[in-house]
C-alpha cells in the first residue's frame, strides 16, 4: 500500500492476507439482500402495515381506513412489502386480503 496507515492496522491486515483477501470475504449477495430488506422497511408506514398484519389478516379497505391514506399510496406500500416477501395477498370476491409472511413476522415491530 502506498498510503500511510497505523502500524498495528497494517500488521493485522497483512496477517489476514491484505486488502484483496479482506475484500473477498464480503458476501455481495448477503449485502444486497440486507440492503433490500432495509429499503423495504425504511418507511414508518410500511412498519405500521406489518404491525397491523402481525395481529391479523386485513382487507385493503380496512388498511386504508386505519392508516387514513389514499388508495394509490397504500397500493405502493403494499407492493413494496409484497415484492420483499413480507406480506402476501389473495383475492376474496371483490376484496383483496393481506396477511403477513414468516419473513414479515421476523421483521414486524
N, C-alpha and C. Protein backbone atom coordinates (compact mmCIF):
# COMPACT_ATOMS: atom_id res chain seq x y z
N UNK A 1 0.84 -1.18 0.00
CA UNK A 1 0.00 0.00 0.00
C UNK A 1 0.89 1.25 0.00
N UNK A 2 0.45 2.24 -0.73
CA UNK A 2 1.19 3.50 -0.79
C UNK A 2 0.77 4.47 0.30
N UNK A 3 -0.44 4.32 0.82
CA UNK A 3 -0.90 5.27 1.83
C UNK A 3 -0.34 4.90 3.20
N UNK A 4 -0.28 5.89 4.05
CA UNK A 4 0.21 5.70 5.41
C UNK A 4 -0.96 5.29 6.30
N UNK A 5 -0.84 4.14 6.94
CA UNK A 5 -1.85 3.68 7.88
C UNK A 5 -1.16 3.27 9.18
N UNK A 6 -1.89 3.24 10.28
CA UNK A 6 -1.27 2.86 11.56
C UNK A 6 -0.62 1.48 11.47
N UNK A 7 0.50 1.35 12.11
CA UNK A 7 1.28 0.10 12.06
C UNK A 7 0.52 -1.13 12.50
N UNK A 8 -0.25 -1.01 13.59
CA UNK A 8 -0.99 -2.18 14.08
C UNK A 8 -2.09 -2.60 13.10
N UNK A 9 -2.72 -1.62 12.44
CA UNK A 9 -3.75 -1.93 11.44
C UNK A 9 -3.10 -2.62 10.25
N UNK A 10 -1.98 -2.09 9.79
CA UNK A 10 -1.27 -2.68 8.66
C UNK A 10 -0.82 -4.10 8.97
N UNK A 11 -0.31 -4.29 10.16
CA UNK A 11 0.18 -5.61 10.55
C UNK A 11 -0.97 -6.64 10.58
N UNK A 12 -2.09 -6.25 11.17
CA UNK A 12 -3.24 -7.16 11.22
C UNK A 12 -3.76 -7.45 9.82
N UNK A 13 -3.82 -6.42 8.98
CA UNK A 13 -4.28 -6.59 7.60
C UNK A 13 -3.38 -7.56 6.85
N UNK A 14 -2.07 -7.39 7.00
CA UNK A 14 -1.11 -8.29 6.34
C UNK A 14 -1.28 -9.73 6.82
N UNK A 15 -1.53 -9.91 8.14
CA UNK A 15 -1.69 -11.26 8.67
C UNK A 15 -2.93 -11.95 8.13
N UNK A 16 -3.87 -11.16 7.62
CA UNK A 16 -5.11 -11.72 7.08
C UNK A 16 -5.10 -11.80 5.56
N UNK A 17 -3.95 -11.54 4.96
CA UNK A 17 -3.83 -11.70 3.52
C UNK A 17 -3.92 -10.42 2.73
N UNK A 18 -4.04 -9.28 3.39
CA UNK A 18 -4.06 -8.00 2.69
C UNK A 18 -5.46 -7.56 2.30
N UNK A 19 -5.49 -6.43 1.61
CA UNK A 19 -6.76 -5.81 1.22
C UNK A 19 -7.58 -6.73 0.34
N UNK A 20 -6.96 -7.36 -0.63
CA UNK A 20 -7.68 -8.23 -1.56
C UNK A 20 -8.36 -9.37 -0.82
N UNK A 21 -7.64 -10.03 0.08
CA UNK A 21 -8.22 -11.14 0.84
C UNK A 21 -9.38 -10.66 1.71
N UNK A 22 -9.22 -9.49 2.30
CA UNK A 22 -10.28 -8.94 3.14
C UNK A 22 -11.53 -8.64 2.30
N UNK A 23 -11.35 -8.04 1.14
CA UNK A 23 -12.47 -7.70 0.27
C UNK A 23 -13.18 -8.96 -0.25
N UNK A 24 -12.44 -10.04 -0.45
CA UNK A 24 -13.04 -11.29 -0.94
C UNK A 24 -13.95 -11.94 0.10
N UNK A 25 -13.82 -11.55 1.34
CA UNK A 25 -14.65 -12.11 2.40
C UNK A 25 -16.05 -11.50 2.43
N UNK A 26 -16.23 -10.40 1.73
CA UNK A 26 -17.54 -9.75 1.70
C UNK A 26 -18.48 -10.57 0.83
N UNK A 27 -19.62 -10.94 1.38
CA UNK A 27 -20.63 -11.71 0.65
C UNK A 27 -21.58 -10.71 -0.02
N UNK A 28 -21.35 -10.46 -1.29
CA UNK A 28 -22.13 -9.46 -2.03
C UNK A 28 -23.62 -9.79 -2.06
N UNK A 29 -23.97 -11.07 -2.17
CA UNK A 29 -25.38 -11.46 -2.19
C UNK A 29 -26.05 -11.13 -0.86
N UNK A 30 -25.35 -11.42 0.24
CA UNK A 30 -25.87 -11.11 1.57
C UNK A 30 -26.06 -9.60 1.73
N UNK A 31 -25.06 -8.83 1.28
CA UNK A 31 -25.14 -7.37 1.37
C UNK A 31 -26.34 -6.85 0.59
N UNK A 32 -26.53 -7.35 -0.62
CA UNK A 32 -27.66 -6.92 -1.45
C UNK A 32 -28.99 -7.29 -0.81
N UNK A 33 -29.08 -8.51 -0.28
CA UNK A 33 -30.31 -8.96 0.36
C UNK A 33 -30.64 -8.07 1.57
N UNK A 34 -29.66 -7.81 2.41
CA UNK A 34 -29.88 -6.97 3.59
C UNK A 34 -30.24 -5.54 3.18
N UNK A 35 -29.61 -5.06 2.14
CA UNK A 35 -29.90 -3.72 1.66
C UNK A 35 -31.37 -3.61 1.24
N UNK A 36 -31.86 -4.62 0.53
CA UNK A 36 -33.25 -4.63 0.09
C UNK A 36 -34.21 -4.71 1.28
N UNK A 37 -33.85 -5.49 2.28
CA UNK A 37 -34.69 -5.58 3.48
C UNK A 37 -34.79 -4.21 4.14
N UNK A 38 -33.65 -3.55 4.31
CA UNK A 38 -33.65 -2.25 4.95
C UNK A 38 -34.41 -1.20 4.13
N UNK A 39 -34.29 -1.26 2.81
CA UNK A 39 -35.05 -0.33 1.96
C UNK A 39 -36.55 -0.57 2.13
N UNK A 40 -36.94 -1.84 2.13
CA UNK A 40 -38.36 -2.17 2.25
C UNK A 40 -38.94 -1.73 3.59
N UNK A 41 -38.14 -1.79 4.63
CA UNK A 41 -38.64 -1.49 5.97
C UNK A 41 -38.29 -0.09 6.45
N UNK A 42 -37.73 0.73 5.57
CA UNK A 42 -37.27 2.06 5.98
C UNK A 42 -38.38 3.08 6.13
N UNK A 43 -39.58 2.73 5.72
CA UNK A 43 -40.69 3.68 5.79
C UNK A 43 -41.60 3.34 6.98
N UNK A 44 -41.89 4.30 7.85
CA UNK A 44 -42.74 4.04 9.02
C UNK A 44 -44.12 3.48 8.66
N UNK A 45 -44.66 3.90 7.54
CA UNK A 45 -45.97 3.40 7.13
C UNK A 45 -45.92 1.90 6.85
N UNK A 46 -44.86 1.45 6.22
CA UNK A 46 -44.72 0.02 5.93
C UNK A 46 -44.56 -0.78 7.23
N UNK A 47 -43.88 -0.19 8.20
CA UNK A 47 -43.75 -0.87 9.50
C UNK A 47 -45.10 -0.94 10.21
N UNK A 48 -45.92 0.11 10.05
CA UNK A 48 -47.27 0.08 10.63
C UNK A 48 -48.10 -1.02 9.99
N UNK A 49 -47.99 -1.13 8.67
CA UNK A 49 -48.73 -2.18 7.95
C UNK A 49 -48.30 -3.55 8.48
N UNK A 50 -47.00 -3.77 8.63
CA UNK A 50 -46.52 -5.05 9.16
C UNK A 50 -47.05 -5.28 10.58
N UNK A 51 -47.03 -4.24 11.40
CA UNK A 51 -47.52 -4.37 12.77
C UNK A 51 -49.00 -4.78 12.78
N UNK A 52 -49.80 -4.13 11.94
CA UNK A 52 -51.22 -4.47 11.87
C UNK A 52 -51.44 -5.90 11.38
N UNK A 53 -50.71 -6.26 10.33
CA UNK A 53 -50.88 -7.60 9.76
C UNK A 53 -50.29 -8.69 10.65
N UNK A 54 -49.42 -8.31 11.57
CA UNK A 54 -48.91 -9.31 12.50
C UNK A 54 -49.97 -9.71 13.52
N UNK A 55 -50.99 -8.86 13.65
CA UNK A 55 -52.09 -9.15 14.56
C UNK A 55 -53.18 -10.00 13.90
N UNK A 56 -53.46 -9.68 12.61
CA UNK A 56 -54.47 -10.45 11.87
C UNK A 56 -54.43 -10.05 10.40
N UNK A 57 -54.99 -10.91 9.55
CA UNK A 57 -55.10 -10.56 8.14
C UNK A 57 -56.13 -9.45 8.00
N UNK A 58 -55.92 -8.59 7.00
CA UNK A 58 -56.81 -7.44 6.80
C UNK A 58 -57.05 -7.19 5.32
N UNK A 59 -58.21 -6.66 5.02
CA UNK A 59 -58.51 -6.27 3.64
C UNK A 59 -57.97 -4.86 3.40
N UNK A 60 -57.80 -4.54 2.14
CA UNK A 60 -57.28 -3.23 1.75
C UNK A 60 -58.17 -2.12 2.28
N UNK A 61 -59.48 -2.32 2.24
CA UNK A 61 -60.39 -1.27 2.70
C UNK A 61 -60.16 -0.95 4.18
N UNK A 62 -59.90 -1.95 5.00
CA UNK A 62 -59.61 -1.70 6.42
C UNK A 62 -58.26 -1.02 6.61
N UNK A 63 -57.26 -1.49 5.88
CA UNK A 63 -55.93 -0.87 5.98
C UNK A 63 -56.01 0.61 5.60
N UNK A 64 -56.74 0.89 4.53
CA UNK A 64 -56.90 2.28 4.07
C UNK A 64 -57.55 3.13 5.16
N UNK A 65 -58.59 2.59 5.76
CA UNK A 65 -59.31 3.31 6.83
C UNK A 65 -58.43 3.50 8.07
N UNK A 66 -57.75 2.46 8.47
CA UNK A 66 -56.94 2.50 9.69
C UNK A 66 -55.75 3.45 9.55
N UNK A 67 -55.16 3.47 8.36
CA UNK A 67 -53.97 4.28 8.12
C UNK A 67 -54.30 5.67 7.59
N UNK A 68 -55.56 5.87 7.21
CA UNK A 68 -56.04 7.15 6.70
C UNK A 68 -55.17 7.65 5.53
N UNK A 69 -55.04 6.79 4.51
CA UNK A 69 -54.25 7.15 3.33
C UNK A 69 -55.03 6.85 2.05
N UNK A 70 -54.58 7.43 0.97
CA UNK A 70 -55.22 7.24 -0.33
C UNK A 70 -54.87 5.86 -0.90
N UNK A 71 -55.74 5.40 -1.80
CA UNK A 71 -55.55 4.08 -2.43
C UNK A 71 -54.18 3.93 -3.09
N UNK A 72 -53.79 4.96 -3.84
CA UNK A 72 -52.53 4.85 -4.59
C UNK A 72 -51.32 4.74 -3.66
N UNK A 73 -51.35 5.48 -2.56
CA UNK A 73 -50.24 5.42 -1.60
C UNK A 73 -50.20 4.06 -0.91
N UNK A 74 -51.36 3.56 -0.50
CA UNK A 74 -51.42 2.24 0.13
C UNK A 74 -50.98 1.16 -0.85
N UNK A 75 -51.45 1.26 -2.07
CA UNK A 75 -51.08 0.28 -3.09
C UNK A 75 -49.56 0.22 -3.28
N UNK A 76 -48.93 1.37 -3.32
CA UNK A 76 -47.47 1.43 -3.48
C UNK A 76 -46.78 0.72 -2.31
N UNK A 77 -47.17 1.05 -1.09
CA UNK A 77 -46.50 0.47 0.08
C UNK A 77 -46.76 -1.03 0.19
N UNK A 78 -47.97 -1.45 -0.15
CA UNK A 78 -48.26 -2.89 -0.15
C UNK A 78 -47.42 -3.62 -1.19
N UNK A 79 -47.24 -3.00 -2.35
CA UNK A 79 -46.44 -3.65 -3.40
C UNK A 79 -44.97 -3.79 -2.98
N UNK A 80 -44.44 -2.78 -2.28
CA UNK A 80 -43.06 -2.87 -1.79
C UNK A 80 -42.93 -4.03 -0.81
N UNK A 81 -43.88 -4.13 0.11
CA UNK A 81 -43.84 -5.22 1.09
C UNK A 81 -44.07 -6.58 0.44
N UNK A 82 -44.92 -6.61 -0.56
CA UNK A 82 -45.19 -7.87 -1.26
C UNK A 82 -43.96 -8.31 -2.07
N UNK A 83 -43.34 -7.38 -2.77
CA UNK A 83 -42.13 -7.70 -3.53
C UNK A 83 -41.00 -8.20 -2.63
N UNK A 84 -40.96 -7.69 -1.41
CA UNK A 84 -39.93 -8.12 -0.45
C UNK A 84 -40.30 -9.40 0.27
N UNK A 85 -41.46 -9.97 -0.04
CA UNK A 85 -41.94 -11.21 0.57
C UNK A 85 -42.24 -11.05 2.07
N UNK A 86 -42.66 -9.83 2.46
CA UNK A 86 -43.03 -9.59 3.85
C UNK A 86 -44.52 -9.84 4.07
N UNK A 87 -45.30 -9.70 2.99
CA UNK A 87 -46.74 -9.95 3.05
C UNK A 87 -47.15 -10.70 1.79
N UNK A 88 -48.36 -11.27 1.84
CA UNK A 88 -48.94 -11.89 0.66
C UNK A 88 -50.42 -11.55 0.63
N UNK A 89 -50.94 -11.51 -0.56
CA UNK A 89 -52.35 -11.15 -0.70
C UNK A 89 -53.10 -12.17 -1.52
N UNK A 90 -54.39 -12.25 -1.25
CA UNK A 90 -55.26 -13.12 -2.06
C UNK A 90 -56.61 -12.45 -2.21
N UNK A 91 -57.19 -12.69 -3.34
CA UNK A 91 -58.48 -12.10 -3.65
C UNK A 91 -59.58 -12.97 -3.05
N UNK A 92 -60.56 -12.31 -2.45
CA UNK A 92 -61.76 -12.97 -1.92
C UNK A 92 -62.95 -12.17 -2.45
N UNK A 93 -63.52 -12.66 -3.53
CA UNK A 93 -64.58 -11.95 -4.25
C UNK A 93 -64.06 -10.57 -4.66
N UNK A 94 -64.65 -9.50 -4.14
CA UNK A 94 -64.22 -8.14 -4.50
C UNK A 94 -63.17 -7.58 -3.56
N UNK A 95 -62.72 -8.38 -2.61
CA UNK A 95 -61.78 -7.90 -1.60
C UNK A 95 -60.38 -8.46 -1.82
N UNK A 96 -59.39 -7.65 -1.52
CA UNK A 96 -58.01 -8.10 -1.52
C UNK A 96 -57.61 -8.22 -0.05
N UNK A 97 -57.25 -9.42 0.37
CA UNK A 97 -56.92 -9.69 1.76
C UNK A 97 -55.40 -9.91 1.86
N UNK A 98 -54.77 -9.20 2.81
CA UNK A 98 -53.33 -9.33 3.01
C UNK A 98 -53.05 -9.98 4.35
N UNK A 99 -52.00 -10.79 4.35
CA UNK A 99 -51.52 -11.42 5.58
C UNK A 99 -50.00 -11.34 5.61
N UNK A 100 -49.46 -11.41 6.77
CA UNK A 100 -48.02 -11.34 6.94
C UNK A 100 -47.41 -12.72 6.65
N UNK A 101 -46.22 -12.73 6.09
CA UNK A 101 -45.50 -13.98 5.84
C UNK A 101 -44.58 -14.28 7.03
N UNK A 102 -43.95 -15.43 7.00
CA UNK A 102 -42.98 -15.77 8.06
C UNK A 102 -41.85 -14.75 8.07
N UNK A 103 -41.39 -14.37 6.88
CA UNK A 103 -40.32 -13.37 6.80
C UNK A 103 -40.81 -12.04 7.38
N UNK A 104 -42.04 -11.64 7.06
CA UNK A 104 -42.59 -10.40 7.59
C UNK A 104 -42.72 -10.44 9.10
N UNK A 105 -43.11 -11.58 9.63
CA UNK A 105 -43.25 -11.74 11.08
C UNK A 105 -41.89 -11.56 11.77
N UNK A 106 -40.85 -11.99 11.09
CA UNK A 106 -39.49 -11.87 11.63
C UNK A 106 -39.08 -10.41 11.82
N UNK A 107 -39.59 -9.53 10.97
CA UNK A 107 -39.20 -8.12 10.99
C UNK A 107 -40.29 -7.19 11.51
N UNK A 108 -41.46 -7.72 11.85
CA UNK A 108 -42.57 -6.87 12.31
C UNK A 108 -42.24 -6.24 13.66
N UNK A 109 -42.68 -4.99 13.83
CA UNK A 109 -42.44 -4.33 15.14
C UNK A 109 -43.29 -4.96 16.24
